[in-house]
Amino acid sequence: MLFGRRDKPDLAERVRVFFWPRRGWVRSSRYVLKRVLRLSGSPHAIALGVGAGVFASFTPFIGFHFILAGLIAWLIGGNLLASALGTFVGNPLTFPFIWASTYGIGNWILGVNAHAALEIDLEPGLLEGSFVTLLPIMKPMFVSGIPLGIFVALMFYFPVRAGIDIYQQRRRDQLRASVDGNGQGMEF
């Protein structure tokens, strides 16, 4: 197979890479940032897409974040690829904080004692009626995931829009500087 690995990673290596990328989180974050900056489209549409992805990461629908982010971006006129990149806010390092905050704030909004709510026995009937069994956990996460997701999405929207605006303006200035007055490219 072209571009395939000679040594297939074992389960332990795949789990390690899931939690810690081969090149590290800093490099992976820079890559995602550069991908967002280089997207074509208006700064508003790209920032809306990133916001939709960030919002989707705060919902308890694990496994559907890409689909949900794409659907939200499409509905609000955001960039679909930017929405997929925005879901990287939800990753193995941030999910414990997201889940703990949405669960705690959701129980507070619903007026439920969080310690009493944690005493749910998930063992019996988890495979038979898993949604009904998980509903006491997912309900507070969904209730607080919406306002918390909107808040964090707005926290991402404005800096992303400003950054893309600056990047695109610099790019236009560089292209303008490389073209002489006749519209011809400069010869080297």
Protein backbone atom coordinates (compact mmCIF):
# COMPACT_ATOMS: atom_id res chain seq x y z
CA MET A 1 0.00 0.00 0.00
CA LEU A 2 1.32 3.40 -0.95
CA PHE A 3 2.04 5.65 2.07
CA GLY A 4 1.13 2.82 4.43
CA ARG A 5 3.03 1.98 7.58
CA ARG A 6 5.34 -0.99 7.61
CA ASP A 7 4.86 -1.62 11.29
CA LYS A 8 1.20 -1.52 12.22
CA PRO A 9 0.69 0.13 15.62
CA ASP A 10 -0.60 -2.09 18.38
CA LEU A 11 -3.53 -1.17 20.61
CA ALA A 12 -1.37 0.52 23.25
CA GLU A 13 0.27 2.76 20.62
CA ARG A 14 -3.10 3.73 19.12
CA VAL A 15 -4.44 4.63 22.57
CA ARG A 16 -1.30 6.68 23.30
CA VAL A 17 -1.62 8.58 20.00
CA PHE A 18 -5.33 9.19 20.71
CA PHE A 19 -4.45 10.98 23.94
CA TRP A 20 -1.12 12.50 22.84
CA PRO A 21 -0.52 13.14 19.11
CA ARG A 22 2.79 12.01 17.64
CA ARG A 23 3.96 15.57 17.09
CA GLY A 24 2.45 16.93 20.32
CA TRP A 25 -0.50 19.16 21.13
CA VAL A 26 1.28 22.44 20.41
CA ARG A 27 2.15 21.47 16.86
CA SER A 28 -1.30 20.00 16.27
CA SER A 29 -2.92 23.20 17.56
CA ARG A 30 -0.75 25.35 15.31
CA TYR A 31 -1.70 23.18 12.35
CA VAL A 32 -5.42 23.63 13.04
CA LEU A 33 -4.93 27.40 13.50
CA LYS A 34 -3.10 27.71 10.17
CA ARG A 35 -5.76 25.63 8.43
CA VAL A 36 -8.45 27.98 9.75
CA LEU A 37 -6.51 31.10 8.72
CA ARG A 38 -5.98 29.80 5.18
CA LEU A 39 -9.61 28.90 4.52
CA SER A 40 -11.26 30.76 1.69
CA GLY A 41 -14.34 32.75 2.57
CA SER A 42 -15.32 35.81 4.48
CA PRO A 43 -13.95 36.23 8.02
CA HIS A 44 -17.54 36.25 9.29
CA ALA A 45 -18.42 32.90 7.64
CA ILE A 46 -15.21 31.23 8.82
CA ALA A 47 -15.64 32.52 12.38
CA LEU A 48 -19.28 31.36 12.37
CA GLY A 49 -18.12 27.91 11.30
CA VAL A 50 -15.52 27.74 14.06
CA GLY A 51 -18.14 28.91 16.54
CA ALA A 52 -20.53 26.19 15.37
CA GLY A 53 -17.82 23.57 15.89
CA VAL A 54 -17.00 24.89 19.35
CA PHE A 55 -20.70 24.91 20.27
CA ALA A 56 -21.14 21.32 19.08
CA SER A 57 -18.24 20.22 21.29
CA PHE A 58 -20.25 21.27 24.35
CA THR A 59 -23.19 19.00 23.56
CA PRO A 60 -23.31 15.50 25.09
CA PHE A 61 -23.78 13.86 21.67
CA ILE A 62 -20.38 12.20 21.43
CA GLY A 63 -19.72 10.88 17.95
CA PHE A 64 -22.07 13.37 16.30
CA HIS A 65 -20.09 16.57 16.86
CA PHE A 66 -18.91 16.82 13.22
CA ILE A 67 -22.41 16.27 11.88
CA LEU A 68 -24.00 18.64 14.39
CA ALA A 69 -21.35 21.33 13.74
CA GLY A 70 -21.81 21.01 9.97
CA LEU A 71 -25.58 21.25 10.28
CA ILE A 72 -25.39 24.32 12.54
CA ALA A 73 -22.81 25.98 10.26
CA TRP A 74 -25.00 25.32 7.23
CA LEU A 75 -28.05 26.78 8.99
CA ILE A 76 -26.30 29.98 10.10
CA GLY A 77 -24.24 30.46 6.92
CA GLY A 78 -20.88 29.44 8.36
CA ASN A 79 -17.99 27.68 6.66
CA LEU A 80 -18.45 23.88 6.83
CA LEU A 81 -14.74 23.07 6.95
CA ALA A 82 -14.22 25.66 9.68
CA SER A 83 -16.98 23.98 11.69
CA ALA A 84 -15.15 20.66 11.47
CA LEU A 85 -11.93 22.35 12.59
CA GLY A 86 -13.80 24.06 15.42
CA THR A 87 -14.76 20.70 16.91
CA PHE A 88 -11.11 20.17 17.81
CA VAL A 89 -11.85 22.25 20.91
CA GLY A 90 -13.42 19.06 22.20
CA ASN A 91 -10.53 16.63 22.53
CA PRO A 92 -9.36 14.07 25.10
CA LEU A 93 -7.67 16.81 27.14
CA THR A 94 -10.65 19.16 27.27
CA PHE A 95 -13.58 16.72 27.40
CA PRO A 96 -13.23 15.99 31.15
CA PHE A 97 -13.45 19.72 31.89
CA ILE A 98 -16.31 20.23 29.43
CA TRP A 99 -18.29 17.29 30.83
CA ALA A 100 -17.68 18.24 34.46
CA SER A 101 -18.68 21.86 33.87
CA THR A 102 -21.78 21.06 31.81
CA TYR A 103 -22.89 18.40 34.28
CA GLY A 104 -22.36 20.62 37.34
CA ILE A 105 -23.91 23.73 35.81
CA GLY A 106 -26.79 21.68 34.38
CA ASN A 107 -27.64 20.23 37.79
CA TRP A 108 -27.46 23.73 39.25
CA ILE A 109 -29.84 25.06 36.55
CA LEU A 110 -32.24 22.15 37.10
CA GLY A 111 -32.00 22.50 40.89
CA VAL A 112 -30.70 18.97 41.39
CA ASN A 113 -28.12 18.03 43.99
CA ALA A 114 -25.12 16.93 41.90
CA HIS A 115 -23.89 14.46 44.53
CA ALA A 116 -27.27 12.74 44.70
CA ALA A 117 -27.46 12.67 40.91
CA LEU A 118 -24.11 10.83 40.73
CA GLU A 119 -25.56 7.90 42.67
CA ILE A 120 -27.26 6.61 39.51
CA ASP A 121 -26.67 2.88 39.02
CA LEU A 122 -25.66 2.44 35.40
CA GLU A 123 -25.00 -1.29 35.51
CA PRO A 124 -28.49 -2.84 35.26
CA GLY A 125 -30.16 -2.32 31.94
CA LEU A 126 -27.40 -0.27 30.33
CA LEU A 127 -27.37 -2.42 27.20
CA GLU A 128 -31.15 -2.86 26.98
CA GLY A 129 -32.23 0.75 27.31
CA SER A 130 -29.04 2.74 27.27
CA PHE A 131 -30.59 6.11 26.35
CA VAL A 132 -33.17 5.92 29.12
CA THR A 133 -30.47 4.80 31.55
CA LEU A 134 -28.11 7.63 30.55
CA LEU A 135 -30.82 10.31 30.43
CA PRO A 136 -30.30 11.44 34.07
CA ILE A 137 -26.66 12.18 33.17
CA MET A 138 -27.24 13.60 29.68
CA LYS A 139 -30.16 15.87 30.60
CA PRO A 140 -28.15 18.32 32.77
CA MET A 141 -25.28 18.20 30.28
CA PHE A 142 -27.64 19.14 27.45
CA VAL A 143 -29.42 21.85 29.47
CA SER A 144 -26.20 23.63 30.35
CA GLY A 145 -24.35 22.67 27.18
CA ILE A 146 -26.44 25.09 25.15
CA PRO A 147 -25.73 28.33 27.08
CA LEU A 148 -22.17 27.30 27.92
CA GLY A 149 -21.56 26.31 24.29
CA ILE A 150 -22.93 29.63 23.03
CA PHE A 151 -20.76 31.53 25.52
CA VAL A 152 -17.54 29.71 24.55
CA ALA A 153 -18.43 29.88 20.84
CA LEU A 154 -18.72 33.66 21.15
CA MET A 155 -15.37 33.70 22.96
CA PHE A 156 -13.89 32.01 19.89
CA TYR A 157 -15.88 33.92 17.25
CA PHE A 158 -14.48 37.40 17.85
CA PRO A 159 -10.74 36.56 18.02
CA VAL A 160 -11.03 34.17 15.05
CA ARG A 161 -12.83 36.79 12.98
CA ALA A 162 -10.26 39.46 13.88
CA GLY A 163 -7.35 37.09 13.19
CA ILE A 164 -8.71 36.04 9.81
CA ASP A 165 -9.43 39.66 8.91
CA ILE A 166 -5.81 40.61 9.70
CA TYR A 167 -4.43 37.56 7.88
CA GLN A 168 -6.50 38.17 4.74
CA GLN A 169 -5.63 41.89 4.69
CA ARG A 170 -1.90 41.11 4.99
CA ARG A 171 -2.24 38.55 2.21
CA ARG A 172 -3.98 41.10 -0.05
CA ASP A 173 -1.26 43.67 0.72
CA GLN A 174 1.47 41.16 -0.12
CA LEU A 175 -0.20 40.27 -3.42
CA ARG A 176 -0.68 43.95 -4.24
CA ALA A 177 2.99 44.66 -3.47
CA SER A 178 4.15 41.83 -5.73
CA VAL A 179 2.25 43.25 -8.72
CA ASP A 180 3.58 46.36 -10.46
CA GLY A 181 1.35 49.19 -11.71
CA ASN A 182 0.54 47.47 -15.04
CA GLY A 183 -1.05 44.45 -13.42
CA GLN A 184 1.92 42.32 -14.39
CA GLY A 185 3.79 40.22 -11.87
CA MET A 186 7.28 41.32 -11.03
CA GLU A 187 10.05 39.44 -12.80
CA PHE A 188 12.82 37.92 -10.77
